[in-house]
Amino acid sequence: MESMLSVTASRARLSSGRRCTPQIVARRAEDRRALPPAPAISIATMLFLLALVVGCASPHHLDTGSNKPFHFETDTFAFPNELTWTYEYDAKGKWTTHTRKPKPAYSQHCFIVARSTRQFYLNARFDASQPVADPATYRRLIRRVVSSNPRKGRADPEKIVIPGYPNLRSFSEAQEHLLKAECGPAWKSYVQRGHWRIVFPFSRHHQQNTARVLLAEIGFGRPVVVHLVRFPQLTINHALVVFGAKQEENEIQFLAYDPNRPAEPRILNYDRGTRTFLLAANDYFPGGRVDVYQVYHKWDY
């Protein structure tokens, strides 16, 4: 009984925090040493995990199913994505916008047109030797193309055959109404899978790597859809299809199909010194730096 009371009293003293014997203190120290160490994440590990979340530009080799190179004159749409607003500088030199009147019939489809361009290149084949089909047939074929995977090309025998026309340019001249109706609504430009990327910073290393990847992809004749953005300003939020490049000592001039201006290629410059992409002033952008990343090339983009 006495020993039990002594133990009880000792426990009470310990729980109240009044007194700890040297033996108990030593025992607790040993218990702490026996416990596994608390997990620690180094700064390098945190940066690595962030890179995985944010994503990085790296070559993504695409099996196009064909060796046919991309040509601006034949593999792009004949009609433009129209501008919703008129862009201009006001009296104080500030870049501003005004609603275009009359309202354009086909606007805010830049991502739709860029994606569809890539899908027709990867997954469709034109056959002018066949007769022109009826609207219902073309409607069905267009839906098949724009439902196909823009991230992986079909082999030639599996490509969707578009009869009656030699290429996308001539097809879109003759079937403009059907293509505008079936390629996709404007809201899909706002929910493009890769839009999450714009909220993260674009380092100069990232842009340098993006330029390297673009050169690698177009070196194989592959069109690459890129998102041009300035976040959070959003002075530009646009899609281009890059298909060619001219390399100089201090810069690279990337040739691009601009859905807004299908008459001739747009030039997207990359400055090697500053590792920065630049777009000249035009009717929807005041000119200057743009941040660039590739879309429609892997599962999270």
Protein backbone atom coordinates (compact mmCIF):
# COMPACT_ATOMS: atom_id res chain seq x y z
CA MET A 1 0.00 0.00 0.00
CA GLU A 2 2.73 2.46 0.91
CA SER A 3 4.59 1.78 -2.30
CA MET A 4 1.40 2.25 -4.32
CA LEU A 5 0.69 5.52 -2.56
CA SER A 6 4.25 6.62 -3.22
CA VAL A 7 3.90 5.89 -6.94
CA THR A 8 0.58 7.69 -7.02
CA ALA A 9 2.07 10.69 -5.28
CA SER A 10 5.02 10.72 -7.65
CA ARG A 11 2.70 10.65 -10.65
CA ALA A 12 0.70 13.51 -9.16
CA ARG A 13 3.83 15.56 -8.65
CA LEU A 14 4.93 14.89 -12.23
CA SER A 15 1.56 15.76 -13.70
CA SER A 16 1.39 18.97 -11.73
CA GLY A 17 4.83 20.02 -12.97
CA ARG A 18 6.13 20.65 -9.43
CA ARG A 19 9.16 18.33 -9.47
CA CYS A 20 10.97 15.90 -11.80
CA THR A 21 13.72 13.65 -10.58
CA PRO A 22 17.01 13.40 -12.51
CA GLN A 23 16.16 9.78 -13.39
CA ILE A 24 12.85 10.79 -15.03
CA VAL A 25 14.49 13.64 -16.95
CA ALA A 26 17.15 11.24 -18.27
CA ARG A 27 14.50 8.69 -19.24
CA ARG A 28 12.54 11.35 -21.16
CA ALA A 29 15.69 12.40 -23.02
CA GLU A 30 16.28 8.80 -24.05
CA ASP A 31 12.67 8.50 -25.26
CA ARG A 32 13.07 11.60 -27.39
CA ARG A 33 16.26 10.23 -28.94
CA ALA A 34 14.42 7.03 -29.81
CA LEU A 35 11.69 8.85 -31.72
CA PRO A 36 12.13 9.24 -35.50
CA PRO A 37 13.20 12.75 -36.55
CA ALA A 38 10.49 15.15 -37.69
CA PRO A 39 10.28 15.46 -41.48
CA ALA A 40 12.09 18.46 -42.92
CA ILE A 41 11.80 19.90 -46.45
CA SER A 42 14.82 21.74 -47.74
CA ILE A 43 14.53 24.82 -49.92
CA ALA A 44 15.83 22.79 -52.87
CA THR A 45 13.12 20.19 -52.35
CA MET A 46 10.44 22.86 -52.14
CA LEU A 47 11.64 24.41 -55.39
CA PHE A 48 11.67 21.02 -57.06
CA LEU A 49 8.10 20.33 -55.95
CA LEU A 50 7.03 23.77 -57.15
CA ALA A 51 8.58 23.05 -60.54
CA LEU A 52 6.53 19.87 -60.77
CA VAL A 53 3.35 21.77 -59.97
CA VAL A 54 4.05 24.71 -62.25
CA GLY A 55 5.37 22.61 -65.10
CA CYS A 56 8.35 23.31 -67.26
CA ALA A 57 8.96 23.68 -70.95
CA SER A 58 10.64 20.58 -72.27
CA PRO A 59 10.64 18.87 -75.64
CA HIS A 60 7.53 16.76 -76.07
CA HIS A 61 8.11 14.57 -79.07
CA LEU A 62 4.90 14.23 -81.02
CA ASP A 63 4.17 11.39 -83.38
CA THR A 64 2.27 13.24 -86.09
CA GLY A 65 1.62 10.07 -88.05
CA SER A 66 2.97 11.83 -91.14
CA ASN A 67 6.09 13.54 -92.41
CA LYS A 68 4.07 16.24 -94.18
CA PRO A 69 5.46 19.66 -93.22
CA PHE A 70 3.13 22.46 -92.17
CA HIS A 71 2.57 25.19 -94.79
CA PHE A 72 1.01 28.53 -93.95
CA GLU A 73 -0.57 28.93 -97.40
CA THR A 74 -2.45 25.62 -97.27
CA ASP A 75 -2.75 24.46 -93.63
CA THR A 76 -4.46 27.51 -92.10
CA PHE A 77 -7.98 28.91 -92.13
CA ALA A 78 -8.96 31.49 -94.74
CA PHE A 79 -11.29 33.46 -92.45
CA PRO A 80 -10.21 35.50 -89.39
CA ASN A 81 -11.11 35.47 -85.76
CA GLU A 82 -12.56 38.96 -85.55
CA LEU A 83 -11.76 41.51 -82.86
CA THR A 84 -14.47 42.33 -80.32
CA TRP A 85 -12.91 45.69 -79.46
CA THR A 86 -11.12 48.51 -81.21
CA TYR A 87 -7.71 49.07 -79.61
CA GLU A 88 -6.00 52.44 -79.65
CA TYR A 89 -4.09 55.03 -77.66
CA ASP A 90 -6.12 57.82 -76.08
CA ALA A 91 -5.11 61.50 -75.90
CA LYS A 92 -2.93 60.78 -72.84
CA GLY A 93 -1.09 57.96 -74.56
CA LYS A 94 -2.86 55.22 -72.64
CA TRP A 95 -3.72 51.98 -74.44
CA THR A 96 -7.49 51.64 -74.35
CA THR A 97 -10.36 49.76 -75.97
CA HIS A 98 -13.78 50.52 -77.40
CA THR A 99 -16.57 48.15 -78.31
CA ARG A 100 -16.56 47.47 -82.00
CA LYS A 101 -19.72 48.42 -83.89
CA PRO A 102 -21.33 46.61 -85.47
CA LYS A 103 -20.62 43.64 -83.25
CA PRO A 104 -18.45 41.04 -85.04
CA ALA A 105 -20.14 37.78 -85.98
CA TYR A 106 -17.13 35.57 -85.18
CA SER A 107 -14.86 36.76 -82.35
CA GLN A 108 -12.99 35.47 -79.28
CA HIS A 109 -12.25 32.18 -81.02
CA CYS A 110 -8.45 32.46 -81.24
CA PHE A 111 -7.81 29.33 -79.18
CA ILE A 112 -10.55 27.47 -81.04
CA VAL A 113 -9.06 28.33 -84.43
CA ALA A 114 -5.50 27.58 -83.29
CA ARG A 115 -6.50 24.23 -81.79
CA SER A 116 -8.56 23.29 -84.86
CA THR A 117 -5.62 24.15 -87.11
CA ARG A 118 -3.49 21.68 -85.21
CA GLN A 119 -6.21 19.02 -85.22
CA PHE A 120 -6.69 19.24 -88.99
CA TYR A 121 -2.93 18.98 -89.46
CA LEU A 122 -2.56 15.98 -87.12
CA ASN A 123 -5.74 14.03 -87.70
CA ALA A 124 -7.25 14.89 -91.09
CA ARG A 125 -6.30 14.30 -94.72
CA PHE A 126 -7.74 16.18 -97.70
CA ASP A 127 -8.56 14.38 -100.93
CA ALA A 128 -9.44 16.62 -103.87
CA SER A 129 -9.86 13.61 -106.13
CA GLN A 130 -13.14 12.79 -104.41
CA PRO A 131 -16.31 14.78 -105.22
CA VAL A 132 -17.52 17.60 -103.02
CA ALA A 133 -19.85 16.25 -100.34
CA ASP A 134 -23.10 17.62 -98.95
CA PRO A 135 -23.25 19.90 -95.86
CA ALA A 136 -24.41 17.10 -93.56
CA THR A 137 -21.34 15.03 -94.44
CA TYR A 138 -18.96 17.91 -93.87
CA ARG A 139 -20.66 18.77 -90.59
CA ARG A 140 -20.11 15.22 -89.39
CA LEU A 141 -16.48 15.17 -90.54
CA ILE A 142 -15.67 18.53 -88.94
CA ARG A 143 -17.11 17.32 -85.65
CA ARG A 144 -14.91 14.24 -85.84
CA VAL A 145 -11.81 16.33 -86.45
CA VAL A 146 -12.41 18.82 -83.64
CA SER A 147 -13.20 15.93 -81.28
CA SER A 148 -9.89 14.27 -82.08
CA ASN A 149 -6.82 14.48 -79.87
CA PRO A 150 -4.80 17.68 -80.53
CA ARG A 151 -1.92 16.21 -78.50
CA LYS A 152 -1.33 13.08 -80.60
CA GLY A 153 -1.43 12.58 -84.34
CA ARG A 154 -3.11 9.73 -86.15
CA ALA A 155 -1.30 7.46 -88.58
CA ASP A 156 -2.11 8.17 -92.24
CA PRO A 157 -4.49 5.22 -92.68
CA GLU A 158 -6.49 6.41 -89.65
CA LYS A 159 -6.75 10.07 -90.59
CA ILE A 160 -10.21 11.55 -91.20
CA VAL A 161 -10.61 12.06 -94.95
CA ILE A 162 -12.09 15.39 -96.10
CA PRO A 163 -13.30 14.92 -99.71
CA GLY A 164 -13.51 17.52 -102.45
CA TYR A 165 -10.74 19.91 -101.37
CA PRO A 166 -6.92 19.84 -101.47
CA ASN A 167 -6.26 21.54 -98.12
CA LEU A 168 -7.67 23.41 -95.14
CA ARG A 169 -7.32 26.85 -96.72
CA SER A 170 -9.51 26.00 -99.70
CA PHE A 171 -11.92 24.01 -97.51
CA SER A 172 -12.38 26.95 -95.14
CA GLU A 173 -12.96 29.33 -98.04
CA ALA A 174 -15.79 27.19 -99.37
CA GLN A 175 -17.22 25.91 -96.06
CA GLU A 176 -16.66 28.91 -93.81
CA HIS A 177 -20.13 28.83 -92.28
CA LEU A 178 -19.93 25.15 -91.35
CA LEU A 179 -16.45 25.44 -89.84
CA LYS A 180 -17.39 28.46 -87.74
CA ALA A 181 -20.47 26.64 -86.48
CA GLU A 182 -18.77 23.32 -85.69
CA CYS A 183 -15.22 24.04 -84.53
CA GLY A 184 -16.40 25.18 -81.12
CA PRO A 185 -18.02 28.07 -79.20
CA ALA A 186 -16.09 31.09 -77.93
CA TRP A 187 -16.37 30.08 -74.27
CA LYS A 188 -14.01 27.18 -74.91
CA SER A 189 -11.23 29.71 -75.46
CA TYR A 190 -11.65 30.73 -71.81
CA VAL A 191 -11.50 27.22 -70.36
CA GLN A 192 -8.49 25.94 -72.29
CA ARG A 193 -6.75 23.31 -70.17
CA GLY A 194 -3.43 25.12 -69.86
CA HIS A 195 -4.75 28.46 -68.60
CA TRP A 196 -3.71 27.56 -65.04
CA ARG A 197 -0.11 28.34 -66.03
CA ILE A 198 -0.55 32.09 -66.43
CA VAL A 199 -0.81 32.75 -62.68
CA PHE A 200 2.76 31.56 -62.06
CA PRO A 201 5.83 33.69 -62.87
CA PHE A 202 7.66 33.22 -66.16
CA SER A 203 11.39 33.19 -65.50
CA ARG A 204 13.94 34.10 -68.16
CA HIS A 205 15.19 30.51 -67.96
CA HIS A 206 11.67 29.26 -68.69
CA GLN A 207 11.40 31.52 -71.73
CA GLN A 208 14.83 30.46 -72.96
CA ASN A 209 13.80 26.83 -72.68
CA THR A 210 10.51 27.59 -74.46
CA ALA A 211 12.42 29.06 -77.40
CA ARG A 212 14.60 25.94 -77.51
CA VAL A 213 11.55 23.66 -77.50
CA LEU A 214 9.86 25.65 -80.26
CA LEU A 215 12.95 25.33 -82.44
CA ALA A 216 13.06 21.59 -81.81
CA GLU A 217 9.40 21.04 -82.65
CA ILE A 218 9.26 23.13 -85.80
CA GLY A 219 12.53 21.52 -86.87
CA PHE A 220 10.41 18.43 -87.46
CA GLY A 221 7.78 20.43 -89.36
CA ARG A 222 5.31 20.39 -86.48
CA PRO A 223 3.01 23.35 -85.80
CA VAL A 224 3.04 24.43 -82.16
CA VAL A 225 0.19 26.31 -80.49
CA VAL A 226 1.46 28.89 -78.00
CA HIS A 227 -0.33 31.10 -75.49
CA LEU A 228 0.83 34.73 -75.39
CA VAL A 229 0.02 36.51 -72.14
CA ARG A 230 0.92 39.40 -69.85
CA PHE A 231 -0.46 38.52 -66.43
CA PRO A 232 -1.99 40.14 -64.43
CA GLN A 233 -2.27 43.06 -66.88
CA LEU A 234 -3.85 40.93 -69.62
CA THR A 235 -2.90 43.46 -72.26
CA ILE A 236 -2.63 40.33 -74.39
CA ASN A 237 -4.25 36.93 -73.99
CA HIS A 238 -3.93 35.28 -77.35
CA ALA A 239 -3.02 32.08 -79.22
CA LEU A 240 -0.68 31.70 -82.19
CA VAL A 241 0.43 28.68 -84.20
CA VAL A 242 4.23 28.73 -84.57
CA PHE A 243 5.49 26.86 -87.62
CA GLY A 244 8.86 28.29 -88.69
CA ALA A 245 11.92 30.21 -87.51
CA LYS A 246 14.78 32.32 -88.79
CA GLN A 247 17.79 32.39 -86.49
CA GLU A 248 20.07 35.41 -86.16
CA GLU A 249 23.03 35.98 -83.86
CA ASN A 250 21.05 38.01 -81.34
CA GLU A 251 17.49 36.89 -81.96
CA ILE A 252 15.15 34.28 -83.35
CA GLN A 253 12.28 35.30 -85.59
CA PHE A 254 9.52 32.76 -85.15
CA LEU A 255 6.95 32.62 -87.96
CA ALA A 256 3.41 32.19 -86.69
CA TYR A 257 -0.11 31.85 -87.97
CA ASP A 258 -2.28 34.44 -86.21
CA PRO A 259 -5.99 33.48 -86.21
CA ASN A 260 -6.78 37.21 -86.20
CA ARG A 261 -4.80 37.86 -89.38
CA PRO A 262 -4.81 34.89 -91.79
CA ALA A 263 -3.49 36.80 -94.81
CA GLU A 264 0.19 36.52 -93.89
CA PRO A 265 2.42 35.11 -91.12
CA ARG A 266 3.02 37.02 -87.92
CA ILE A 267 6.56 37.35 -86.52
CA LEU A 268 7.17 36.53 -82.85
CA ASN A 269 10.67 37.64 -81.88
CA TYR A 270 12.88 36.10 -79.23
CA ASP A 271 15.77 38.21 -77.92
CA ARG A 272 18.67 35.93 -76.99
CA GLY A 273 20.34 38.53 -74.76
CA THR A 274 17.39 39.31 -72.53
CA ARG A 275 15.79 35.88 -73.05
CA THR A 276 12.52 37.61 -73.82
CA PHE A 277 9.77 37.15 -76.41
CA LEU A 278 8.62 40.32 -78.16
CA LEU A 279 5.61 41.02 -80.35
CA ALA A 280 5.45 44.13 -82.52
CA ALA A 281 2.59 46.59 -82.12
CA ASN A 282 -0.52 45.68 -84.06
CA ASP A 283 -4.25 46.31 -84.05
CA TYR A 284 -4.81 44.41 -80.79
CA PHE A 285 -1.51 44.80 -78.87
CA PRO A 286 0.58 47.92 -78.14
CA GLY A 287 3.80 46.01 -78.66
CA GLY A 288 6.54 44.78 -76.33
CA ARG A 289 7.28 41.82 -74.12
CA VAL A 290 5.00 38.81 -74.05
CA ASP A 291 5.27 35.66 -71.97
CA VAL A 292 4.97 32.49 -74.04
CA TYR A 293 4.22 28.87 -73.29
CA GLN A 294 3.09 25.88 -75.32
CA VAL A 295 -0.45 24.46 -75.14
CA TYR A 296 -2.27 21.44 -76.62
CA HIS A 297 0.85 19.29 -76.31
CA LYS A 298 0.44 17.20 -73.13
CA TRP A 299 -2.23 16.21 -70.61
CA ASP A 300 -2.07 19.28 -68.35
CA TYR A 301 -1.78 21.79 -71.17
